[in-house]
């Protein structure tokens, strides 16, 4: 049954992608945008190495001015799929945002399956289904307003660049901090100058 569920999820994603006539052009023009006042934006990303079934997770929380409030990153030594790594990244970020006590959160991810899993039960029978349910639960009980959006890699590039640094961590010794590496600050500044 898990293989059938994966196949259904893959088909569902392909149908969504095929619906955009100029998907590649649209992806190139999408940029990171500031959330409204009183809303935080959480950008998540993950990496996955199939050859050794390892990965990393990262998140970046920014306020309505585009300033970085909090970042987090960690290593995953045993992970089944890129989808699982992306879900773990989102779980880490959503939990960190909940710990900040915010009421309104926008989650942006470049993993279309994560965004779709928040809106459909098609992924529930997959091995990652428990993580999907946990993410939905955290969003439901911790926020008065929660939205999960797909964002192209271009619009999620600060989190994407941070994902490489997740491999520097030791599994179980996550780094949650307001400190932002210089290379990420350059991207954040560039995001803000585009607006």
N, C-alpha and C. Protein backbone atom coordinates (compact mmCIF):
# COMPACT_ATOMS: atom_id res chain seq x y z
N UNK A 1 0.80 -1.22 0.00
CA UNK A 1 0.00 0.00 0.00
C UNK A 1 0.83 1.27 0.00
N UNK A 2 1.97 1.34 0.72
CA UNK A 2 2.76 2.56 0.66
C UNK A 2 3.23 2.91 -0.75
N UNK A 3 3.56 1.90 -1.58
CA UNK A 3 4.00 2.18 -2.95
C UNK A 3 2.86 2.79 -3.75
N UNK A 4 1.63 2.29 -3.54
CA UNK A 4 0.47 2.84 -4.23
C UNK A 4 0.23 4.28 -3.78
N UNK A 5 0.37 4.54 -2.50
CA UNK A 5 0.18 5.89 -1.99
C UNK A 5 1.23 6.84 -2.57
N UNK A 6 2.48 6.37 -2.66
CA UNK A 6 3.53 7.20 -3.26
C UNK A 6 3.22 7.49 -4.73
N UNK A 7 2.75 6.49 -5.44
CA UNK A 7 2.42 6.66 -6.84
C UNK A 7 1.28 7.66 -6.99
N UNK A 8 0.26 7.56 -6.14
CA UNK A 8 -0.85 8.51 -6.18
C UNK A 8 -0.36 9.92 -5.90
N UNK A 9 0.51 10.07 -4.91
CA UNK A 9 1.04 11.39 -4.57
C UNK A 9 1.86 11.96 -5.72
N UNK A 10 2.66 11.11 -6.34
CA UNK A 10 3.47 11.55 -7.47
C UNK A 10 2.58 12.00 -8.62
N UNK A 11 1.56 11.21 -8.92
CA UNK A 11 0.63 11.56 -10.00
C UNK A 11 -0.08 12.88 -9.70
N UNK A 12 -0.51 13.04 -8.46
CA UNK A 12 -1.18 14.27 -8.04
C UNK A 12 -0.26 15.48 -8.24
N UNK A 13 1.01 15.34 -7.86
CA UNK A 13 1.96 16.43 -8.03
C UNK A 13 2.19 16.73 -9.51
N UNK A 14 2.30 15.70 -10.33
CA UNK A 14 2.53 15.91 -11.75
C UNK A 14 1.34 16.61 -12.41
N UNK A 15 0.13 16.26 -12.00
CA UNK A 15 -1.06 16.93 -12.52
C UNK A 15 -1.02 18.41 -12.17
N UNK A 16 -0.63 18.72 -10.94
CA UNK A 16 -0.55 20.11 -10.51
C UNK A 16 0.51 20.87 -11.32
N UNK A 17 1.64 20.24 -11.55
CA UNK A 17 2.72 20.89 -12.29
C UNK A 17 2.31 21.12 -13.74
N UNK A 18 1.65 20.14 -14.34
CA UNK A 18 1.24 20.24 -15.74
C UNK A 18 0.21 21.36 -15.94
N UNK A 19 -0.51 21.70 -14.87
CA UNK A 19 -1.54 22.73 -14.96
C UNK A 19 -0.97 24.12 -15.24
N UNK A 20 0.26 24.37 -14.89
CA UNK A 20 0.88 25.68 -15.13
C UNK A 20 1.51 25.68 -16.52
N UNK A 21 0.96 26.49 -17.42
CA UNK A 21 1.43 26.50 -18.81
C UNK A 21 2.89 26.94 -18.92
N UNK A 22 3.25 27.93 -18.17
CA UNK A 22 4.63 28.41 -18.24
C UNK A 22 5.28 28.29 -16.87
N UNK A 23 5.30 27.08 -16.33
CA UNK A 23 5.80 26.85 -14.97
C UNK A 23 7.25 27.30 -14.80
N UNK A 24 8.08 27.00 -15.75
CA UNK A 24 9.50 27.36 -15.62
C UNK A 24 9.67 28.88 -15.59
N UNK A 25 8.97 29.58 -16.46
CA UNK A 25 9.06 31.04 -16.48
C UNK A 25 8.51 31.62 -15.18
N UNK A 26 7.42 31.08 -14.69
CA UNK A 26 6.82 31.56 -13.45
C UNK A 26 7.77 31.37 -12.28
N UNK A 27 8.46 30.24 -12.24
CA UNK A 27 9.39 29.97 -11.15
C UNK A 27 10.54 30.97 -11.14
N UNK A 28 10.95 31.42 -12.31
CA UNK A 28 12.07 32.35 -12.38
C UNK A 28 11.70 33.75 -11.93
N UNK A 29 10.41 34.10 -11.96
CA UNK A 29 10.01 35.46 -11.62
C UNK A 29 9.50 35.59 -10.18
N UNK A 30 9.30 34.50 -9.47
CA UNK A 30 8.79 34.56 -8.10
C UNK A 30 9.91 34.92 -7.15
N UNK A 31 9.68 35.92 -6.33
CA UNK A 31 10.66 36.38 -5.35
C UNK A 31 10.07 36.28 -3.95
N UNK A 32 10.94 36.32 -2.95
CA UNK A 32 10.50 36.34 -1.57
C UNK A 32 9.80 37.67 -1.31
N UNK A 33 8.69 37.65 -0.59
CA UNK A 33 7.97 38.87 -0.25
C UNK A 33 7.75 38.94 1.25
N UNK A 34 7.67 40.15 1.76
CA UNK A 34 7.45 40.37 3.18
C UNK A 34 6.02 39.98 3.55
N UNK A 35 5.84 39.43 4.76
CA UNK A 35 4.47 39.18 5.23
C UNK A 35 3.87 40.50 5.74
N UNK A 36 2.58 40.48 5.99
CA UNK A 36 1.91 41.66 6.55
C UNK A 36 2.37 41.88 7.99
N UNK A 37 2.13 43.09 8.48
CA UNK A 37 2.47 43.44 9.85
C UNK A 37 1.76 42.47 10.81
N UNK A 38 2.48 41.97 11.80
CA UNK A 38 1.91 41.05 12.77
C UNK A 38 1.95 39.59 12.35
N UNK A 39 2.53 39.33 11.19
CA UNK A 39 2.64 37.96 10.67
C UNK A 39 4.11 37.62 10.52
N UNK A 40 4.49 36.40 10.88
CA UNK A 40 5.84 35.92 10.62
C UNK A 40 5.82 34.98 9.43
N UNK A 41 6.92 34.97 8.70
CA UNK A 41 7.05 34.05 7.56
C UNK A 41 8.16 33.06 7.86
N UNK A 42 7.83 31.80 7.70
CA UNK A 42 8.75 30.69 7.95
C UNK A 42 9.11 30.05 6.62
N UNK A 43 10.38 30.12 6.26
CA UNK A 43 10.86 29.44 5.06
C UNK A 43 11.64 28.21 5.49
N UNK A 44 11.27 27.07 4.95
CA UNK A 44 11.90 25.79 5.31
C UNK A 44 12.52 25.15 4.07
N UNK A 45 13.55 24.39 4.31
CA UNK A 45 14.15 23.60 3.24
C UNK A 45 14.89 22.43 3.87
N UNK A 46 15.21 21.47 3.06
CA UNK A 46 15.92 20.28 3.52
C UNK A 46 16.78 19.76 2.38
N UNK A 47 17.72 18.92 2.74
CA UNK A 47 18.51 18.24 1.72
C UNK A 47 18.44 16.75 2.02
N UNK A 48 18.68 15.96 0.99
CA UNK A 48 18.61 14.50 1.12
C UNK A 48 19.65 13.88 0.22
N UNK A 49 20.43 12.98 0.79
CA UNK A 49 21.43 12.22 0.02
C UNK A 49 20.99 10.76 0.01
N UNK A 50 20.48 10.32 -1.12
CA UNK A 50 19.95 8.96 -1.23
C UNK A 50 21.03 7.90 -1.04
N UNK A 51 22.27 8.20 -1.44
CA UNK A 51 23.32 7.18 -1.35
C UNK A 51 23.62 6.73 0.08
N UNK A 52 23.41 7.61 1.04
CA UNK A 52 23.62 7.18 2.44
C UNK A 52 22.41 7.47 3.33
N UNK A 53 21.29 7.79 2.70
CA UNK A 53 20.02 8.02 3.40
C UNK A 53 20.18 9.03 4.54
N UNK A 54 20.88 10.11 4.25
CA UNK A 54 21.07 11.17 5.24
C UNK A 54 20.52 12.47 4.67
N UNK A 55 20.43 13.46 5.53
CA UNK A 55 19.92 14.75 5.08
C UNK A 55 20.16 15.82 6.12
N UNK A 56 19.59 16.97 5.84
CA UNK A 56 19.64 18.08 6.78
C UNK A 56 18.35 18.87 6.67
N UNK A 57 18.04 19.61 7.71
CA UNK A 57 16.84 20.45 7.73
C UNK A 57 17.25 21.85 8.16
N UNK A 58 16.52 22.85 7.67
CA UNK A 58 16.75 24.23 8.07
C UNK A 58 15.43 24.99 8.06
N UNK A 59 15.40 26.05 8.84
CA UNK A 59 14.30 27.00 8.74
C UNK A 59 14.83 28.40 9.00
N UNK A 60 14.08 29.36 8.50
CA UNK A 60 14.40 30.77 8.65
C UNK A 60 13.08 31.49 8.91
N UNK A 61 12.96 32.17 10.06
CA UNK A 61 11.75 32.91 10.39
C UNK A 61 12.06 34.39 10.26
N UNK A 62 11.21 35.09 9.48
CA UNK A 62 11.41 36.52 9.23
C UNK A 62 10.14 37.29 9.57
N UNK A 63 10.32 38.55 9.97
CA UNK A 63 9.17 39.38 10.35
C UNK A 63 8.68 40.22 9.17
N UNK A 64 7.73 41.12 9.45
CA UNK A 64 7.11 41.93 8.40
C UNK A 64 8.06 42.93 7.75
N UNK A 65 9.19 43.19 8.38
CA UNK A 65 10.21 44.05 7.77
C UNK A 65 11.24 43.23 6.99
N UNK A 66 11.14 41.91 7.04
CA UNK A 66 12.10 41.04 6.37
C UNK A 66 13.29 40.67 7.23
N UNK A 67 13.31 41.15 8.47
CA UNK A 67 14.41 40.84 9.37
C UNK A 67 14.33 39.40 9.87
N UNK A 68 15.48 38.78 10.01
CA UNK A 68 15.53 37.40 10.51
C UNK A 68 15.30 37.41 12.02
N UNK A 69 14.30 36.65 12.45
CA UNK A 69 13.96 36.53 13.86
C UNK A 69 14.68 35.33 14.47
N UNK A 70 14.69 34.22 13.71
CA UNK A 70 15.26 32.98 14.23
C UNK A 70 15.62 32.07 13.07
N UNK A 71 16.70 31.32 13.22
CA UNK A 71 17.05 30.29 12.25
C UNK A 71 17.30 28.99 13.00
N UNK A 72 17.20 27.92 12.28
CA UNK A 72 17.50 26.62 12.87
C UNK A 72 18.02 25.68 11.79
N UNK A 73 18.87 24.77 12.22
CA UNK A 73 19.38 23.77 11.27
C UNK A 73 19.86 22.55 12.03
N UNK A 74 19.82 21.42 11.34
CA UNK A 74 20.27 20.19 11.96
C UNK A 74 20.53 19.12 10.91
N UNK A 75 21.15 18.06 11.34
CA UNK A 75 21.53 16.95 10.48
C UNK A 75 20.60 15.77 10.73
N UNK A 76 20.35 15.00 9.69
CA UNK A 76 19.55 13.78 9.78
C UNK A 76 20.39 12.63 9.26
N UNK A 77 20.78 11.74 10.13
CA UNK A 77 21.62 10.62 9.71
C UNK A 77 20.82 9.45 9.13
N UNK A 78 19.55 9.37 9.46
CA UNK A 78 18.70 8.26 8.98
C UNK A 78 17.37 8.84 8.53
N UNK A 79 17.22 8.97 7.23
CA UNK A 79 15.99 9.54 6.68
C UNK A 79 15.60 8.72 5.44
N UNK A 80 14.31 8.50 5.25
CA UNK A 80 13.82 7.63 4.18
C UNK A 80 13.73 8.30 2.81
N UNK A 81 13.44 9.60 2.81
CA UNK A 81 13.17 10.28 1.54
C UNK A 81 13.36 11.78 1.68
N UNK A 82 13.41 12.44 0.53
CA UNK A 82 13.47 13.90 0.53
C UNK A 82 12.20 14.47 1.16
N UNK A 83 11.07 13.84 0.90
CA UNK A 83 9.79 14.28 1.47
C UNK A 83 9.85 14.23 3.00
N UNK A 84 10.39 13.18 3.55
CA UNK A 84 10.50 13.07 5.01
C UNK A 84 11.41 14.18 5.55
N UNK A 85 12.53 14.44 4.89
CA UNK A 85 13.43 15.50 5.33
C UNK A 85 12.74 16.87 5.28
N UNK A 86 11.97 17.13 4.23
CA UNK A 86 11.24 18.39 4.11
C UNK A 86 10.20 18.52 5.23
N UNK A 87 9.50 17.44 5.53
CA UNK A 87 8.51 17.47 6.62
C UNK A 87 9.18 17.75 7.96
N UNK A 88 10.32 17.13 8.21
CA UNK A 88 11.04 17.37 9.47
C UNK A 88 11.46 18.83 9.56
N UNK A 89 11.91 19.40 8.45
CA UNK A 89 12.28 20.81 8.42
C UNK A 89 11.09 21.69 8.79
N UNK A 90 9.94 21.41 8.20
CA UNK A 90 8.74 22.19 8.50
C UNK A 90 8.30 22.00 9.94
N UNK A 91 8.37 20.78 10.46
CA UNK A 91 8.02 20.54 11.86
C UNK A 91 8.92 21.33 12.80
N UNK A 92 10.21 21.32 12.54
CA UNK A 92 11.16 22.06 13.37
C UNK A 92 10.83 23.56 13.34
N UNK A 93 10.57 24.08 12.17
CA UNK A 93 10.28 25.50 12.03
C UNK A 93 8.96 25.91 12.65
N UNK A 94 7.92 25.11 12.43
CA UNK A 94 6.61 25.42 13.00
C UNK A 94 6.67 25.35 14.52
N UNK A 95 7.38 24.38 15.07
CA UNK A 95 7.51 24.29 16.53
C UNK A 95 8.27 25.50 17.07
N UNK A 96 9.32 25.93 16.38
CA UNK A 96 10.08 27.11 16.81
C UNK A 96 9.20 28.36 16.77
N UNK A 97 8.39 28.51 15.72
CA UNK A 97 7.49 29.65 15.63
C UNK A 97 6.45 29.60 16.75
N UNK A 98 5.94 28.41 17.04
CA UNK A 98 4.98 28.26 18.15
C UNK A 98 5.63 28.66 19.47
N UNK A 99 6.88 28.29 19.66
CA UNK A 99 7.60 28.64 20.88
C UNK A 99 7.79 30.16 21.03
N UNK A 100 7.80 30.88 19.89
CA UNK A 100 7.90 32.34 19.93
C UNK A 100 6.58 32.98 20.38
N UNK A 101 5.50 32.22 20.33
CA UNK A 101 4.20 32.72 20.75
C UNK A 101 3.46 33.53 19.71
N UNK A 102 3.82 33.40 18.45
CA UNK A 102 3.14 34.15 17.40
C UNK A 102 1.78 33.53 17.10
N UNK A 103 0.86 34.35 16.64
CA UNK A 103 -0.48 33.85 16.32
C UNK A 103 -0.69 33.61 14.85
N UNK A 104 0.08 34.31 14.01
CA UNK A 104 -0.12 34.23 12.57
C UNK A 104 1.19 33.84 11.90
N UNK A 105 1.13 32.78 11.10
CA UNK A 105 2.34 32.25 10.48
C UNK A 105 2.07 31.84 9.04
N UNK A 106 2.99 32.21 8.17
CA UNK A 106 2.99 31.74 6.78
C UNK A 106 4.17 30.80 6.64
N UNK A 107 3.91 29.56 6.29
CA UNK A 107 4.96 28.58 6.02
C UNK A 107 5.17 28.53 4.52
N UNK A 108 6.40 28.75 4.08
CA UNK A 108 6.74 28.63 2.68
C UNK A 108 7.77 27.53 2.51
N UNK A 109 7.53 26.66 1.55
CA UNK A 109 8.43 25.56 1.26
C UNK A 109 8.53 25.37 -0.24
N UNK A 110 9.69 24.92 -0.70
CA UNK A 110 9.82 24.62 -2.13
C UNK A 110 9.52 23.15 -2.40
N UNK A 111 8.96 22.46 -1.41
CA UNK A 111 8.55 21.07 -1.57
C UNK A 111 7.03 21.06 -1.78
N UNK A 112 6.63 20.92 -3.02
CA UNK A 112 5.22 20.97 -3.36
C UNK A 112 4.41 19.89 -2.64
N UNK A 113 5.05 18.75 -2.39
CA UNK A 113 4.33 17.67 -1.70
C UNK A 113 3.96 18.07 -0.27
N UNK A 114 4.79 18.87 0.38
CA UNK A 114 4.47 19.34 1.74
C UNK A 114 3.24 20.23 1.68
N UNK A 115 3.24 21.18 0.77
CA UNK A 115 2.10 22.08 0.65
C UNK A 115 0.83 21.30 0.33
N UNK A 116 0.91 20.36 -0.57
CA UNK A 116 -0.25 19.56 -0.94
C UNK A 116 -0.71 18.67 0.21
N UNK A 117 0.24 18.17 1.00
CA UNK A 117 -0.13 17.28 2.12
C UNK A 117 -0.90 18.03 3.20
N UNK A 118 -0.72 19.34 3.27
CA UNK A 118 -1.47 20.13 4.25
C UNK A 118 -2.92 20.34 3.82
N UNK A 119 -3.21 20.09 2.54
CA UNK A 119 -4.55 20.35 2.00
C UNK A 119 -5.29 19.08 1.57
N UNK A 120 -4.61 17.95 1.65
CA UNK A 120 -5.21 16.72 1.14
C UNK A 120 -4.81 15.54 2.02
N UNK A 121 -5.66 14.53 2.08
CA UNK A 121 -5.33 13.33 2.85
C UNK A 121 -4.66 12.26 1.99
N UNK A 122 -4.30 12.59 0.77
CA UNK A 122 -3.72 11.63 -0.16
C UNK A 122 -2.38 11.08 0.34
N UNK A 123 -1.70 11.84 1.19
CA UNK A 123 -0.38 11.44 1.67
C UNK A 123 -0.45 10.67 3.00
N UNK A 124 -1.62 10.58 3.59
CA UNK A 124 -1.75 9.99 4.92
C UNK A 124 -1.32 8.53 5.01
N UNK A 125 -1.47 7.78 3.93
CA UNK A 125 -1.13 6.36 3.94
C UNK A 125 0.35 6.10 3.65
N UNK A 126 1.08 7.15 3.35
CA UNK A 126 2.51 7.00 3.07
C UNK A 126 3.27 6.81 4.37
N UNK A 127 4.49 6.31 4.32
CA UNK A 127 5.30 6.17 5.54
C UNK A 127 5.46 7.49 6.29
N UNK A 128 5.45 8.60 5.56
CA UNK A 128 5.60 9.92 6.17
C UNK A 128 4.28 10.49 6.69
N UNK A 129 3.20 9.71 6.59
CA UNK A 129 1.88 10.19 6.97
C UNK A 129 1.77 10.67 8.41
N UNK A 130 2.46 10.04 9.32
CA UNK A 130 2.42 10.47 10.72
C UNK A 130 3.05 11.85 10.89
N UNK A 131 4.10 12.13 10.13
CA UNK A 131 4.72 13.45 10.18
C UNK A 131 3.79 14.51 9.61
N UNK A 132 3.06 14.15 8.55
CA UNK A 132 2.08 15.07 7.96
C UNK A 132 1.02 15.42 9.00
N UNK A 133 0.50 14.40 9.67
CA UNK A 133 -0.54 14.62 10.68
C UNK A 133 -0.01 15.47 11.84
N UNK A 134 1.23 15.24 12.25
CA UNK A 134 1.82 16.04 13.32
C UNK A 134 1.95 17.50 12.90
N UNK A 135 2.35 17.75 11.65
CA UNK A 135 2.47 19.11 11.15
C UNK A 135 1.11 19.80 11.12
N UNK A 136 0.10 19.11 10.65
CA UNK A 136 -1.26 19.67 10.64
C UNK A 136 -1.72 19.99 12.06
N UNK A 137 -1.44 19.08 12.99
CA UNK A 137 -1.84 19.27 14.39
C UNK A 137 -1.16 20.50 14.99
N UNK A 138 0.15 20.62 14.81
CA UNK A 138 0.88 21.78 15.33
C UNK A 138 0.32 23.09 14.78
N UNK A 139 0.01 23.10 13.50
CA UNK A 139 -0.54 24.31 12.88
C UNK A 139 -1.92 24.63 13.44
N UNK A 140 -2.72 23.61 13.63
CA UNK A 140 -4.11 23.79 14.09
C UNK A 140 -4.17 24.30 15.53
N UNK A 141 -3.34 23.77 16.41
CA UNK A 141 -3.46 24.12 17.84
C UNK A 141 -2.61 25.32 18.27
N UNK A 142 -1.67 25.74 17.45
CA UNK A 142 -0.77 26.81 17.88
C UNK A 142 -0.98 28.16 17.21
N UNK A 143 -1.77 28.22 16.15
CA UNK A 143 -1.89 29.47 15.41
C UNK A 143 -3.35 29.80 15.12
N UNK A 144 -3.66 31.10 15.22
CA UNK A 144 -5.02 31.52 14.86
C UNK A 144 -5.15 31.67 13.34
N UNK A 145 -4.02 31.88 12.69
CA UNK A 145 -4.00 31.99 11.24
C UNK A 145 -2.72 31.31 10.73
N UNK A 146 -2.88 30.28 9.94
CA UNK A 146 -1.75 29.51 9.41
C UNK A 146 -2.00 29.22 7.95
N UNK A 147 -0.99 29.50 7.13
CA UNK A 147 -1.07 29.22 5.69
C UNK A 147 0.22 28.52 5.29
N UNK A 148 0.09 27.51 4.44
CA UNK A 148 1.25 26.81 3.89
C UNK A 148 1.25 27.03 2.39
N UNK A 149 2.28 27.68 1.89
CA UNK A 149 2.39 28.01 0.47
C UNK A 149 3.59 27.34 -0.16
N UNK A 150 3.44 27.02 -1.44
CA UNK A 150 4.59 26.59 -2.22
C UNK A 150 5.35 27.83 -2.65
N UNK A 151 6.66 27.80 -2.55
CA UNK A 151 7.51 28.90 -3.00
C UNK A 151 8.64 28.28 -3.82
N UNK A 152 8.91 28.85 -4.96
CA UNK A 152 9.99 28.33 -5.80
C UNK A 152 11.32 28.41 -5.06
N UNK A 153 12.28 27.70 -5.55
CA UNK A 153 13.61 27.74 -4.94
C UNK A 153 14.18 29.16 -4.98
N UNK A 154 13.83 29.92 -6.00
CA UNK A 154 14.29 31.30 -6.11
C UNK A 154 13.76 32.12 -4.93
N UNK A 155 12.49 31.96 -4.61
CA UNK A 155 11.90 32.69 -3.50
C UNK A 155 12.26 32.11 -2.14
N UNK A 156 12.83 30.94 -2.13
CA UNK A 156 13.20 30.26 -0.88
C UNK A 156 14.73 30.11 -0.78
N UNK A 157 15.44 30.95 -1.48
CA UNK A 157 16.88 30.74 -1.62
C UNK A 157 17.68 30.94 -0.34
N UNK A 158 17.23 31.77 0.59
CA UNK A 158 17.96 31.93 1.85
C UNK A 158 17.94 30.61 2.63
N UNK A 159 16.76 29.99 2.70
CA UNK A 159 16.67 28.69 3.38
C UNK A 159 17.43 27.62 2.61
N UNK A 160 17.36 27.69 1.30
CA UNK A 160 18.07 26.70 0.48
C UNK A 160 19.59 26.79 0.71
N UNK A 161 20.12 28.00 0.78
CA UNK A 161 21.55 28.16 1.03
C UNK A 161 21.92 27.70 2.44
N UNK A 162 21.02 27.92 3.38
CA UNK A 162 21.26 27.51 4.76
C UNK A 162 21.27 25.97 4.89
N UNK A 163 20.54 25.28 3.99
CA UNK A 163 20.43 23.82 4.07
C UNK A 163 21.80 23.13 3.99
N UNK A 164 22.70 23.70 3.23
CA UNK A 164 24.04 23.10 3.14
C UNK A 164 24.75 23.13 4.48
N UNK A 165 24.43 24.12 5.30
CA UNK A 165 25.07 24.24 6.62
C UNK A 165 24.51 23.25 7.63
N UNK A 166 23.36 22.69 7.32
CA UNK A 166 22.77 21.69 8.22
C UNK A 166 23.63 20.45 8.36
N UNK A 167 24.40 20.13 7.31
CA UNK A 167 25.28 18.97 7.36
C UNK A 167 26.44 19.16 8.33
N UNK A 168 26.73 20.40 8.68
CA UNK A 168 27.81 20.67 9.62
C UNK A 168 27.43 20.33 11.06
N UNK A 169 26.13 20.19 11.30
CA UNK A 169 25.66 19.87 12.65
C UNK A 169 25.84 18.38 12.94
N UNK A 170 25.80 18.05 14.20
CA UNK A 170 25.79 16.65 14.63
C UNK A 170 24.34 16.31 14.93
N UNK A 171 23.87 15.16 14.44
CA UNK A 171 22.47 14.80 14.68
C UNK A 171 22.19 14.81 16.18
N UNK A 172 21.08 15.44 16.54
CA UNK A 172 20.70 15.55 17.94
C UNK A 172 21.22 16.82 18.60
N UNK A 173 22.12 17.52 17.93
CA UNK A 173 22.65 18.79 18.44
C UNK A 173 22.27 19.91 17.48
N UNK A 174 20.95 20.17 17.39
CA UNK A 174 20.44 21.18 16.49
C UNK A 174 20.91 22.57 16.90
N UNK A 175 20.96 23.45 15.95
CA UNK A 175 21.37 24.82 16.20
C UNK A 175 20.18 25.73 15.92
N UNK A 176 19.57 26.24 16.97
CA UNK A 176 18.46 27.20 16.88
C UNK A 176 19.00 28.51 17.43
N UNK A 177 19.02 29.55 16.59
CA UNK A 177 19.68 30.78 17.00
C UNK A 177 19.14 31.99 16.25
N UNK A 178 19.40 33.16 16.78
CA UNK A 178 19.09 34.39 16.06
C UNK A 178 20.29 34.84 15.23
N UNK A 179 21.45 34.18 15.43
CA UNK A 179 22.63 34.46 14.63
C UNK A 179 22.42 33.96 13.20
N UNK A 180 22.77 34.78 12.24
CA UNK A 180 22.61 34.41 10.84
C UNK A 180 23.98 34.46 10.17
N UNK A 181 24.41 33.36 9.54
CA UNK A 181 25.70 33.38 8.84
C UNK A 181 25.75 34.48 7.78
N UNK A 182 26.91 35.03 7.56
CA UNK A 182 27.09 36.16 6.64
C UNK A 182 26.55 35.87 5.24
N UNK A 183 26.80 34.66 4.74
CA UNK A 183 26.33 34.32 3.39
C UNK A 183 24.80 34.39 3.29
N UNK A 184 24.11 34.06 4.36
CA UNK A 184 22.65 34.11 4.38
C UNK A 184 22.19 35.57 4.49
N UNK A 185 22.90 36.39 5.26
CA UNK A 185 22.55 37.81 5.38
C UNK A 185 22.62 38.51 4.02
N UNK A 186 23.57 38.11 3.19
CA UNK A 186 23.69 38.69 1.85
C UNK A 186 22.43 38.37 1.05
N UNK A 187 21.97 37.15 1.12
CA UNK A 187 20.76 36.75 0.38
C UNK A 187 19.54 37.48 0.94
N UNK A 188 19.44 37.57 2.27
CA UNK A 188 18.32 38.27 2.90
C UNK A 188 18.30 39.73 2.45
N UNK A 189 19.45 40.37 2.44
CA UNK A 189 19.54 41.77 1.99
C UNK A 189 19.13 41.90 0.53
N UNK A 190 19.55 40.95 -0.28
CA UNK A 190 19.19 40.96 -1.69
C UNK A 190 17.69 40.78 -1.86
N UNK A 191 17.07 39.89 -1.07
CA UNK A 191 15.62 39.71 -1.10
C UNK A 191 14.91 41.03 -0.84
N UNK A 192 15.40 41.77 0.15
CA UNK A 192 14.76 43.02 0.55
C UNK A 192 14.98 44.13 -0.48
N UNK A 193 16.10 44.10 -1.18
CA UNK A 193 16.36 45.13 -2.18
C UNK A 193 15.53 44.94 -3.44
N UNK A 194 15.07 43.72 -3.69
CA UNK A 194 14.27 43.41 -4.87
C UNK A 194 12.89 43.99 -4.75
N UNK A 195 12.36 44.02 -3.52
CA UNK A 195 10.99 44.49 -3.33
C UNK A 195 10.85 45.90 -3.73
